[in-house]
Amino acid sequence: MRAAAAIVLALLASPALAQENPFCDQPPEGGVPPSWRPAVGGPADVTGQGITDIDGNPINFLGACSPVAPAPPAPPAAPSGLSAVAISSTVIELTWSNNDLRTQSINVDRKYDVRNSWLALTVFGLKSFFQNTNLKPSTVYCYRMKTIVDGLVSAYSNETCARTKPAE
């Protein structure tokens, strides 16, 4: 009986049967399998857990595997060098350096008279300028922004403020 159990365990430990091992995740069909590493401490790692071959040597299922999870993607780089210049009594132009070529959108936050809460505006794509229109004359507007890539959000840029020109 013990010899039959050793043979079954030896077959399960075969690297050729790793794909059939219930402790392995299957790679995508026709694709490159994810990074593989020996399962350590998992149900397939039986070294030191009392299962031995017929000579009493511990058996480790060399064919057992578990995928290594990829590192989570890094958040996008924040925009930098944000500046605001009043173009007229109703327009302020923002310029900045876009530091991530993957940028899908830029969330621009604006508040006026410094005391008010932030209002979110959105700029799409790899732009590095934005004209905020329909503003009040002689009013201070402050801005900050962050980059969005695939749902990941950068830190905020610097804050900057500008006063629209007086009414003409």
Protein backbone atom coordinates (compact mmCIF):
# COMPACT_ATOMS: atom_id res chain seq x y z
CA MET A 1 0.00 0.00 0.00
CA ARG A 2 2.79 2.38 0.94
CA ALA A 3 4.59 1.71 -2.38
CA ALA A 4 1.40 2.47 -4.37
CA ALA A 5 0.97 5.77 -2.50
CA ALA A 6 4.58 6.68 -3.23
CA ILE A 7 4.08 6.03 -6.94
CA VAL A 8 0.94 8.21 -7.04
CA LEU A 9 2.74 11.00 -5.19
CA ALA A 10 5.75 10.69 -7.47
CA LEU A 11 3.48 11.01 -10.53
CA LEU A 12 1.79 14.10 -9.07
CA ALA A 13 5.21 15.62 -8.46
CA SER A 14 6.21 15.20 -12.11
CA PRO A 15 6.83 18.53 -13.87
CA ALA A 16 5.17 17.09 -16.96
CA LEU A 17 1.90 16.88 -15.03
CA ALA A 18 2.09 20.42 -13.65
CA GLN A 19 -0.64 21.55 -16.02
CA GLU A 20 -2.88 18.78 -14.70
CA ASN A 21 -2.11 19.57 -11.07
CA PRO A 22 -5.20 21.09 -9.42
CA PHE A 23 -2.93 23.52 -7.54
CA CYS A 24 -1.82 25.20 -10.78
CA ASP A 25 -3.63 27.95 -12.61
CA GLN A 26 -3.78 27.35 -16.31
CA PRO A 27 -2.07 29.90 -18.58
CA PRO A 28 -4.31 31.67 -21.08
CA GLU A 29 -5.05 29.52 -24.12
CA GLY A 30 -2.51 30.19 -26.82
CA GLY A 31 -0.86 32.84 -24.67
CA VAL A 32 2.29 33.08 -22.67
CA PRO A 33 1.81 31.74 -19.16
CA PRO A 34 2.17 34.18 -16.28
CA SER A 35 5.37 34.09 -14.24
CA TRP A 36 5.50 30.87 -12.30
CA ARG A 37 7.20 30.06 -9.04
CA PRO A 38 7.11 27.05 -6.73
CA ALA A 39 4.18 27.13 -4.36
CA VAL A 40 5.70 27.87 -0.97
CA GLY A 41 3.62 27.08 2.07
CA GLY A 42 0.57 26.40 -0.08
CA PRO A 43 -1.31 23.11 -0.30
CA ALA A 44 1.05 21.82 -2.98
CA ASP A 45 4.19 22.36 -0.90
CA VAL A 46 4.34 19.25 1.23
CA THR A 47 8.03 19.30 2.10
CA GLY A 48 8.36 18.76 5.82
CA GLN A 49 4.69 17.87 6.22
CA GLY A 50 5.25 14.17 6.70
CA ILE A 51 4.74 12.86 3.16
CA THR A 52 7.73 10.80 2.11
CA ASP A 53 8.79 8.43 -0.63
CA ILE A 54 9.42 4.75 0.07
CA ASP A 55 12.93 5.57 1.28
CA GLY A 56 11.63 8.11 3.81
CA ASN A 57 12.74 11.20 1.86
CA PRO A 58 10.31 14.16 1.97
CA ILE A 59 8.40 14.73 -1.26
CA ASN A 60 7.92 18.21 -2.66
CA PHE A 61 5.56 18.57 -5.61
CA LEU A 62 8.01 20.13 -8.06
CA GLY A 63 5.27 20.40 -10.63
CA ALA A 64 3.09 22.46 -8.31
CA CYS A 65 2.98 26.11 -9.07
CA SER A 66 1.23 29.34 -8.32
CA PRO A 67 1.21 32.49 -10.41
CA VAL A 68 3.16 35.48 -9.22
CA ALA A 69 0.80 38.43 -9.10
CA PRO A 70 2.08 41.34 -11.16
CA ALA A 71 2.98 44.48 -9.30
CA PRO A 72 0.12 46.98 -9.30
CA PRO A 73 0.58 49.70 -11.90
CA ALA A 74 2.21 52.88 -10.70
CA PRO A 75 0.00 55.96 -10.55
CA PRO A 76 0.60 58.49 -13.30
CA ALA A 77 3.07 61.32 -12.88
CA ALA A 78 1.50 64.56 -11.68
CA PRO A 79 1.45 67.59 -13.96
CA SER A 80 3.98 70.25 -13.00
CA GLY A 81 4.69 73.91 -13.62
CA LEU A 82 1.02 74.92 -13.57
CA SER A 83 0.64 78.63 -14.25
CA ALA A 84 -2.40 80.87 -14.76
CA VAL A 85 -2.52 84.12 -16.73
CA ALA A 86 -5.52 86.42 -17.15
CA ILE A 87 -6.17 86.92 -20.87
CA SER A 88 -9.21 89.18 -20.43
CA SER A 89 -11.90 90.10 -17.91
CA THR A 90 -13.56 86.69 -18.46
CA VAL A 91 -10.73 84.32 -19.51
CA ILE A 92 -7.77 82.79 -17.65
CA GLU A 93 -5.34 80.58 -19.56
CA LEU A 94 -3.65 77.69 -17.77
CA THR A 95 -0.42 76.08 -18.98
CA TRP A 96 1.47 73.14 -17.48
CA SER A 97 3.90 70.33 -18.24
CA ASN A 98 2.20 67.01 -18.83
CA ASN A 99 4.59 64.47 -17.30
CA ASP A 100 2.87 61.24 -18.34
CA LEU A 101 2.43 60.29 -22.01
CA ARG A 102 -0.35 57.86 -21.04
CA THR A 103 -2.60 60.73 -19.90
CA GLN A 104 -6.25 60.22 -20.79
CA SER A 105 -7.63 63.21 -18.95
CA ILE A 106 -6.61 65.98 -16.60
CA ASN A 107 -8.91 66.96 -13.77
CA VAL A 108 -8.60 70.70 -13.23
CA ASP A 109 -9.96 71.98 -9.92
CA ARG A 110 -10.91 75.64 -9.65
CA LYS A 111 -12.03 77.87 -6.83
CA TYR A 112 -12.51 81.61 -6.71
CA ASP A 113 -11.76 84.20 -4.04
CA VAL A 114 -9.54 81.62 -2.28
CA ARG A 115 -12.18 80.92 0.42
CA ASN A 116 -14.56 78.84 -1.70
CA SER A 117 -14.49 75.09 -2.27
CA TRP A 118 -12.94 73.41 -5.32
CA LEU A 119 -15.01 72.84 -8.45
CA ALA A 120 -13.87 70.04 -10.80
CA LEU A 121 -13.37 70.73 -14.52
CA THR A 122 -12.01 68.10 -16.96
CA VAL A 123 -9.58 68.43 -19.87
CA PHE A 124 -9.21 65.38 -22.14
CA GLY A 125 -6.04 64.12 -23.78
CA LEU A 126 -2.39 65.13 -23.77
CA LYS A 127 -3.02 68.86 -23.74
CA SER A 128 -0.81 71.26 -21.84
CA PHE A 129 -3.05 74.34 -21.90
CA PHE A 130 -6.65 75.23 -21.10
CA GLN A 131 -8.67 78.43 -21.34
CA ASN A 132 -11.20 78.83 -18.54
CA THR A 133 -13.93 81.08 -19.94
CA ASN A 134 -17.09 82.87 -18.73
CA LEU A 135 -15.38 84.07 -15.56
CA LYS A 136 -16.25 87.13 -13.46
CA PRO A 137 -14.18 90.31 -13.98
CA SER A 138 -11.67 91.33 -11.28
CA THR A 139 -11.97 87.99 -9.51
CA VAL A 140 -9.16 85.77 -8.21
CA TYR A 141 -9.36 82.17 -9.42
CA CYS A 142 -7.08 79.41 -8.10
CA TYR A 143 -6.31 76.15 -9.87
CA ARG A 144 -4.74 72.74 -9.25
CA MET A 145 -4.83 69.58 -11.35
CA LYS A 146 -4.17 65.85 -11.46
CA THR A 147 -3.65 63.31 -14.25
CA ILE A 148 -5.86 60.26 -14.82
CA VAL A 149 -4.68 57.11 -16.62
CA ASP A 150 -6.83 53.95 -16.70
CA GLY A 151 -8.61 54.99 -13.52
CA LEU A 152 -5.36 55.69 -11.66
CA VAL A 153 -4.98 59.23 -10.33
CA SER A 154 -1.78 61.21 -9.83
CA ALA A 155 -0.96 63.51 -6.97
CA TYR A 156 -2.03 67.13 -7.36
CA SER A 157 0.11 69.63 -9.22
CA ASN A 158 1.14 72.89 -7.64
CA GLU A 159 -1.62 75.43 -7.01
CA THR A 160 -1.65 78.74 -8.84
CA CYS A 161 -3.95 81.77 -8.88
CA ALA A 162 -4.70 84.64 -11.25
CA ARG A 163 -7.06 87.63 -11.18
CA THR A 164 -9.22 88.29 -14.22
CA LYS A 165 -8.84 91.77 -15.71
CA PRO A 166 -11.36 94.50 -14.80
CA ALA A 167 -14.50 94.79 -16.93
CA GLU A 168 -13.94 96.75 -20.10
